Amino acid sequence: MMKAIEKLENIGKEKENVPLVFAEIFKDEINANDEQRLYNGVKRMLKQYSEDSRAAAIINDFTRVISGGASLDQILQITMDEVENPSAEFELFFNNQDSMEVNE
């Protein structure tokens, strides 16, 4: 991975679109992932590294980077809050998702 980073840094000296292309590809890969697989994968990873505080810190740091500041702890807490007491915004979103699946 470090070789790829170094190569991208060199390419970035000539082309300024490297961050944009990277971000779009990363978002496409996340969006292409099934919600259940994403959730199960995160749970599996957290359980696997639950005893390793350094690994947990790295996971949280990575999550902050890809989310723009929210830690995985915060995302998990917000998820619990929304599942137990959905906000109007989430209710609208989920109702739209259900109606879109029916129309497919």
Protein backbone atom coordinates (compact mmCIF):
# COMPACT_ATOMS: atom_id res chain seq x y z
CA MET A 1 0.00 0.00 0.00
CA MET A 2 2.83 2.40 0.76
CA LYS A 3 4.19 2.00 -2.77
CA ALA A 4 0.77 2.90 -4.16
CA ILE A 5 0.59 5.97 -1.89
CA GLU A 6 4.05 7.11 -2.98
CA LYS A 7 3.15 6.61 -6.62
CA LEU A 8 -0.12 8.55 -6.19
CA GLU A 9 1.77 11.36 -4.44
CA ASN A 10 4.11 11.57 -7.43
CA ILE A 11 1.18 11.55 -9.87
CA GLY A 12 -0.47 14.24 -7.73
CA LYS A 13 2.47 16.57 -8.42
CA GLU A 14 1.38 16.70 -12.06
CA LYS A 15 -2.35 16.06 -11.83
CA GLU A 16 -4.47 17.74 -9.20
CA ASN A 17 -7.48 15.42 -9.49
CA VAL A 18 -5.97 12.54 -7.47
CA PRO A 19 -7.93 13.36 -4.27
CA LEU A 20 -11.19 13.70 -6.20
CA VAL A 21 -10.72 10.44 -8.10
CA PHE A 22 -9.70 8.60 -4.91
CA ALA A 23 -12.70 9.93 -2.97
CA GLU A 24 -15.17 9.06 -5.73
CA ILE A 25 -13.82 5.53 -6.10
CA PHE A 26 -13.86 5.05 -2.31
CA LYS A 27 -17.46 6.30 -2.06
CA ASP A 28 -18.51 4.11 -5.01
CA GLU A 29 -17.05 1.05 -3.28
CA ILE A 30 -18.86 1.87 -0.02
CA ASN A 31 -22.13 2.52 -1.86
CA ALA A 32 -21.78 -0.75 -3.79
CA ASN A 33 -21.48 -2.66 -0.53
CA ASP A 34 -24.64 -4.25 0.77
CA GLU A 35 -25.80 -2.64 4.05
CA GLN A 36 -25.93 -6.00 5.83
CA ARG A 37 -22.40 -6.90 4.71
CA LEU A 38 -21.09 -3.50 5.80
CA TYR A 39 -22.74 -3.73 9.21
CA ASN A 40 -21.67 -7.35 9.76
CA GLY A 41 -18.13 -6.61 8.60
CA VAL A 42 -17.77 -3.69 11.00
CA LYS A 43 -19.19 -5.76 13.87
CA ARG A 44 -16.83 -8.66 13.05
CA MET A 45 -13.83 -6.34 12.91
CA LEU A 46 -14.72 -4.66 16.21
CA LYS A 47 -15.18 -8.00 17.95
CA GLN A 48 -11.94 -9.32 16.48
CA TYR A 49 -9.91 -6.38 17.77
CA SER A 50 -11.90 -5.64 20.95
CA GLU A 51 -8.97 -6.53 23.22
CA ASP A 52 -6.45 -4.45 21.26
CA SER A 53 -6.75 -0.79 22.28
CA ARG A 54 -4.29 0.32 19.57
CA ALA A 55 -6.36 -1.39 16.86
CA ALA A 56 -9.54 0.20 18.24
CA ALA A 57 -7.87 3.63 18.12
CA ILE A 58 -6.78 3.03 14.52
CA ILE A 59 -10.30 1.95 13.53
CA ASN A 60 -11.76 5.07 15.16
CA ASP A 61 -9.12 7.30 13.53
CA PHE A 62 -9.81 5.78 10.10
CA THR A 63 -13.54 6.26 10.61
CA ARG A 64 -12.98 9.93 11.49
CA VAL A 65 -11.00 10.36 8.28
CA ILE A 66 -13.61 8.79 5.99
CA SER A 67 -16.60 10.35 7.75
CA GLY A 68 -15.22 13.87 8.01
CA GLY A 69 -14.90 13.80 11.80
CA ALA A 70 -17.33 11.34 13.39
CA SER A 71 -15.79 8.47 15.31
CA LEU A 72 -17.13 4.95 15.01
CA ASP A 73 -18.24 5.24 18.64
CA GLN A 74 -20.34 8.27 17.71
CA ILE A 75 -21.79 6.56 14.63
CA LEU A 76 -22.74 3.50 16.70
CA GLN A 77 -24.40 5.71 19.35
CA ILE A 78 -26.35 7.69 16.74
CA THR A 79 -27.40 4.40 15.12
CA MET A 80 -28.76 3.13 18.44
CA ASP A 81 -30.59 6.43 19.02
CA GLU A 82 -32.13 6.41 15.53
CA VAL A 83 -33.20 2.77 15.75
CA GLU A 84 -34.81 3.24 19.15
CA ASN A 85 -36.27 6.72 18.51
CA PRO A 86 -36.20 7.53 14.77
CA SER A 87 -36.09 11.19 13.86
CA ALA A 88 -38.58 12.54 11.33
CA GLU A 89 -35.77 12.68 8.74
CA PHE A 90 -34.95 8.98 9.15
CA GLU A 91 -38.61 7.99 9.12
CA LEU A 92 -39.03 9.79 5.78
CA PHE A 93 -35.88 8.15 4.42
CA PHE A 94 -36.95 4.65 5.45
CA ASN A 95 -40.49 5.15 4.16
CA ASN A 96 -39.02 6.26 0.81
CA GLN A 97 -36.71 3.20 0.78
CA ASP A 98 -39.66 0.87 1.41
CA SER A 99 -41.74 2.43 -1.37
CA MET A 100 -38.81 2.29 -3.80
CA GLU A 101 -38.31 -1.45 -3.09
CA VAL A 102 -42.01 -2.11 -3.70
CA ASN A 103 -41.83 -0.32 -7.08
CA GLU A 104 -38.80 -2.34 -8.24
